[in-house]
Amino acid sequence: MVETDMGGQSAGMSAGTTAGTTAGTTAGTTAGTTAGTTAGTTAGTTAGTTAGATAGNMPNVTLSIEGTYLDEFDTNHEITVDTWTITYVGTNPSVFHIAQIDEAQRYLVAQNDANNEYSPNLWSRFDWFLDSSNQLYFCQIAYDQASQEEASALNTANRDDLMMGCAGFSWSKLNLQNP
């Protein structure tokens, strides 16, 4: 399993500071390429983690489903290595800051933006699936978890049941508009 885990994002986001190559972390700051832990945040890409950073701040982190999509309800989904932004027709965007990507298991964990209408500052998990014709589906199996760890552990999405396998609901089809 190749997992990129950017745990501790809430500490880094609340303080709003990140550093790419510092020698360690202090309360609310993060380090991207060195090892060390101070005040409950973690650093070090050698272990596959960067605390408080988003995937886009890490070298060699990719997300295979990056692009602009429309779902079957004409909802826009803008997916980057940093954020998953969902814009329902006539509403403000809901932004989810990606903190963990697991390409092998096809899921990511993100912290809900403070300005989201629903479940601000909580944690979400998005699972995805490509069918035999490469049609992309997703399931936001978690949207209101208290921590990144809780959201990551909620692995109940059932890829074998696209009609009911997303917590009793269907998986949503995403149609690529722009890679």
Protein backbone atom coordinates (compact mmCIF):
# COMPACT_ATOMS: atom_id res chain seq x y z
CA MET A 1 0.00 0.00 0.00
CA VAL A 2 1.35 3.37 -0.99
CA GLU A 3 -0.22 5.88 1.33
CA THR A 4 0.44 9.55 1.65
CA ASP A 5 -0.75 10.69 5.05
CA MET A 6 -0.63 14.35 5.96
CA GLY A 7 -1.90 13.89 9.54
CA GLY A 8 -2.21 16.82 11.90
CA GLN A 9 -3.69 19.10 9.28
CA SER A 10 -6.01 20.76 11.77
CA ALA A 11 -3.04 22.01 13.76
CA GLY A 12 -1.28 23.26 10.65
CA MET A 13 -4.41 24.76 9.13
CA SER A 14 -5.48 26.54 12.28
CA ALA A 15 -2.11 28.14 12.67
CA GLY A 16 -1.94 28.62 8.94
CA THR A 17 1.78 28.04 8.62
CA THR A 18 3.77 25.40 6.81
CA ALA A 19 7.40 25.03 5.94
CA GLY A 20 8.85 22.81 3.27
CA THR A 21 12.34 22.07 4.54
CA THR A 22 12.68 23.10 8.16
CA ALA A 23 14.43 20.94 10.71
CA GLY A 24 11.42 20.11 12.84
CA THR A 25 8.06 21.33 13.94
CA THR A 26 6.82 23.65 16.59
CA ALA A 27 3.23 24.25 17.64
CA GLY A 28 1.25 24.98 14.47
CA THR A 29 4.15 24.85 12.00
CA THR A 30 5.02 21.88 9.88
CA ALA A 31 8.06 20.46 8.20
CA GLY A 32 7.94 18.81 4.83
CA THR A 33 11.21 16.97 4.36
CA THR A 34 12.76 16.33 7.74
CA ALA A 35 11.90 14.19 10.70
CA GLY A 36 10.85 15.41 14.09
CA THR A 37 7.85 15.94 16.29
CA THR A 38 7.02 18.81 18.64
CA ALA A 39 3.70 19.88 20.17
CA GLY A 40 1.73 16.99 18.71
CA THR A 41 2.53 17.54 15.02
CA THR A 42 4.56 15.20 12.89
CA ALA A 43 7.12 15.82 10.17
CA GLY A 44 9.09 13.81 7.70
CA THR A 45 8.46 12.58 4.22
CA THR A 46 10.69 9.57 4.83
CA ALA A 47 7.85 8.08 6.85
CA GLY A 48 5.34 9.20 4.21
CA THR A 49 3.81 11.92 6.34
CA THR A 50 3.80 15.67 6.50
CA ALA A 51 1.75 17.25 9.25
CA GLY A 52 -0.42 20.21 8.50
CA ALA A 53 0.46 20.22 4.82
CA THR A 54 -1.64 19.34 1.84
CA ALA A 55 -0.66 16.79 -0.75
CA GLY A 56 0.28 19.51 -3.24
CA ASN A 57 3.07 20.70 -0.97
CA MET A 58 4.74 17.31 -1.11
CA PRO A 59 6.98 16.29 -4.00
CA ASN A 60 5.91 13.28 -6.05
CA VAL A 61 2.37 13.13 -4.66
CA THR A 62 -0.23 12.62 -7.35
CA LEU A 63 -3.94 12.00 -7.47
CA SER A 64 -5.07 9.90 -10.42
CA ILE A 65 -8.56 11.41 -10.50
CA GLU A 66 -7.54 15.08 -10.76
CA GLY A 67 -9.81 17.07 -13.06
CA THR A 68 -13.13 18.88 -13.42
CA TYR A 69 -16.24 16.72 -13.36
CA LEU A 70 -20.02 16.97 -13.41
CA ASP A 71 -22.11 14.42 -11.58
CA GLU A 72 -25.55 13.23 -12.69
CA PHE A 73 -27.17 16.12 -10.76
CA ASP A 74 -25.12 18.79 -12.62
CA THR A 75 -23.00 19.37 -9.53
CA ASN A 76 -19.47 20.53 -10.33
CA HIS A 77 -16.51 18.70 -8.76
CA GLU A 78 -13.05 20.25 -9.07
CA ILE A 79 -10.47 17.74 -7.85
CA THR A 80 -6.81 18.63 -7.37
CA VAL A 81 -4.07 17.10 -5.26
CA ASP A 82 -4.84 19.82 -2.66
CA THR A 83 -8.64 20.08 -2.59
CA TRP A 84 -11.92 18.52 -3.65
CA THR A 85 -14.37 21.35 -4.29
CA ILE A 86 -18.07 20.60 -4.78
CA THR A 87 -20.34 23.32 -6.15
CA TYR A 88 -24.04 22.60 -6.18
CA VAL A 89 -26.08 24.75 -8.57
CA GLY A 90 -26.96 28.03 -6.84
CA THR A 91 -24.80 27.50 -3.74
CA ASN A 92 -21.38 28.48 -2.47
CA PRO A 93 -18.66 25.88 -3.04
CA SER A 94 -17.90 23.29 -0.38
CA VAL A 95 -14.13 22.85 -0.13
CA PHE A 96 -12.38 19.82 1.34
CA HIS A 97 -8.62 20.12 2.04
CA ILE A 98 -6.92 16.84 1.20
CA ALA A 99 -4.76 15.48 3.99
CA GLN A 100 -4.33 11.81 3.02
CA ILE A 101 -4.32 10.02 -0.31
CA ASP A 102 -4.29 6.24 -0.71
CA GLU A 103 -4.15 5.47 -4.43
CA ALA A 104 -3.85 1.71 -3.86
CA GLN A 105 -7.08 1.58 -1.84
CA ARG A 106 -8.67 4.42 -3.91
CA TYR A 107 -9.65 6.84 -1.16
CA LEU A 108 -8.67 10.18 0.28
CA VAL A 109 -9.32 11.96 3.56
CA ALA A 110 -9.89 15.71 3.72
CA GLN A 111 -10.72 18.34 6.28
CA ASN A 112 -13.91 20.27 5.58
CA ASP A 113 -13.25 23.97 5.07
CA ALA A 114 -14.21 26.33 7.91
CA ASN A 115 -16.61 28.12 5.54
CA ASN A 116 -18.49 25.01 4.39
CA GLU A 117 -22.20 25.20 5.09
CA TYR A 118 -22.29 21.66 6.49
CA SER A 119 -19.87 20.10 8.98
CA PRO A 120 -17.22 22.86 8.90
CA ASN A 121 -13.76 21.88 10.18
CA LEU A 122 -14.73 18.21 10.48
CA TRP A 123 -13.30 15.40 8.37
CA SER A 124 -14.50 13.61 5.24
CA ARG A 125 -13.51 10.46 3.41
CA PHE A 126 -14.00 10.11 -0.34
CA ASP A 127 -13.73 6.67 -1.93
CA TRP A 128 -13.63 6.23 -5.70
CA PHE A 129 -14.09 3.42 -8.18
CA LEU A 130 -13.49 2.96 -11.91
CA ASP A 131 -15.73 0.42 -13.59
CA SER A 132 -14.67 -1.78 -16.53
CA SER A 133 -15.34 1.08 -18.99
CA ASN A 134 -13.26 3.51 -16.86
CA GLN A 135 -16.36 5.36 -15.64
CA LEU A 136 -15.51 7.12 -12.37
CA TYR A 137 -17.80 6.84 -9.34
CA PHE A 138 -17.31 8.29 -5.87
CA CYS A 139 -18.75 7.87 -2.41
CA GLN A 140 -18.34 10.42 0.36
CA ILE A 141 -18.66 7.79 3.06
CA ALA A 142 -17.69 10.16 5.88
CA TYR A 143 -18.43 13.87 6.13
CA ASP A 144 -18.59 14.68 9.84
CA GLN A 145 -15.83 12.78 11.59
CA ALA A 146 -14.03 14.48 14.49
CA SER A 147 -10.53 13.53 13.33
CA GLN A 148 -8.55 12.52 10.29
CA GLU A 149 -7.94 9.12 11.88
CA GLU A 150 -11.67 8.52 12.40
CA ALA A 151 -12.47 9.45 8.80
CA SER A 152 -9.67 7.26 7.46
CA ALA A 153 -10.83 4.27 9.51
CA LEU A 154 -14.40 4.47 8.16
CA ASN A 155 -13.90 2.07 5.27
CA THR A 156 -17.47 0.86 4.78
CA ALA A 157 -17.95 1.92 1.15
CA ASN A 158 -18.86 -1.16 -0.92
CA ARG A 159 -17.52 -0.97 -4.49
CA ASP A 160 -19.41 -4.16 -5.37
CA ASP A 161 -22.76 -2.42 -4.84
CA LEU A 162 -22.93 0.87 -6.75
CA MET A 163 -26.69 1.13 -6.06
CA MET A 164 -26.61 0.90 -2.24
CA GLY A 165 -22.95 0.58 -1.27
CA CYS A 166 -22.43 4.17 -0.13
CA ALA A 167 -23.95 3.99 3.36
CA GLY A 168 -27.26 2.81 1.88
CA PHE A 169 -27.14 5.26 -1.04
CA SER A 170 -25.84 4.91 -4.57
CA TRP A 171 -22.35 5.89 -5.63
CA SER A 172 -22.28 9.09 -7.68
CA LYS A 173 -21.09 9.00 -11.28
CA LEU A 174 -18.56 11.67 -12.26
CA ASN A 175 -18.20 12.69 -15.90
CA LEU A 176 -14.87 14.27 -16.81
CA GLN A 177 -15.24 17.78 -18.22
CA ASN A 178 -11.62 18.83 -18.19
CA PRO A 179 -8.56 16.80 -17.13
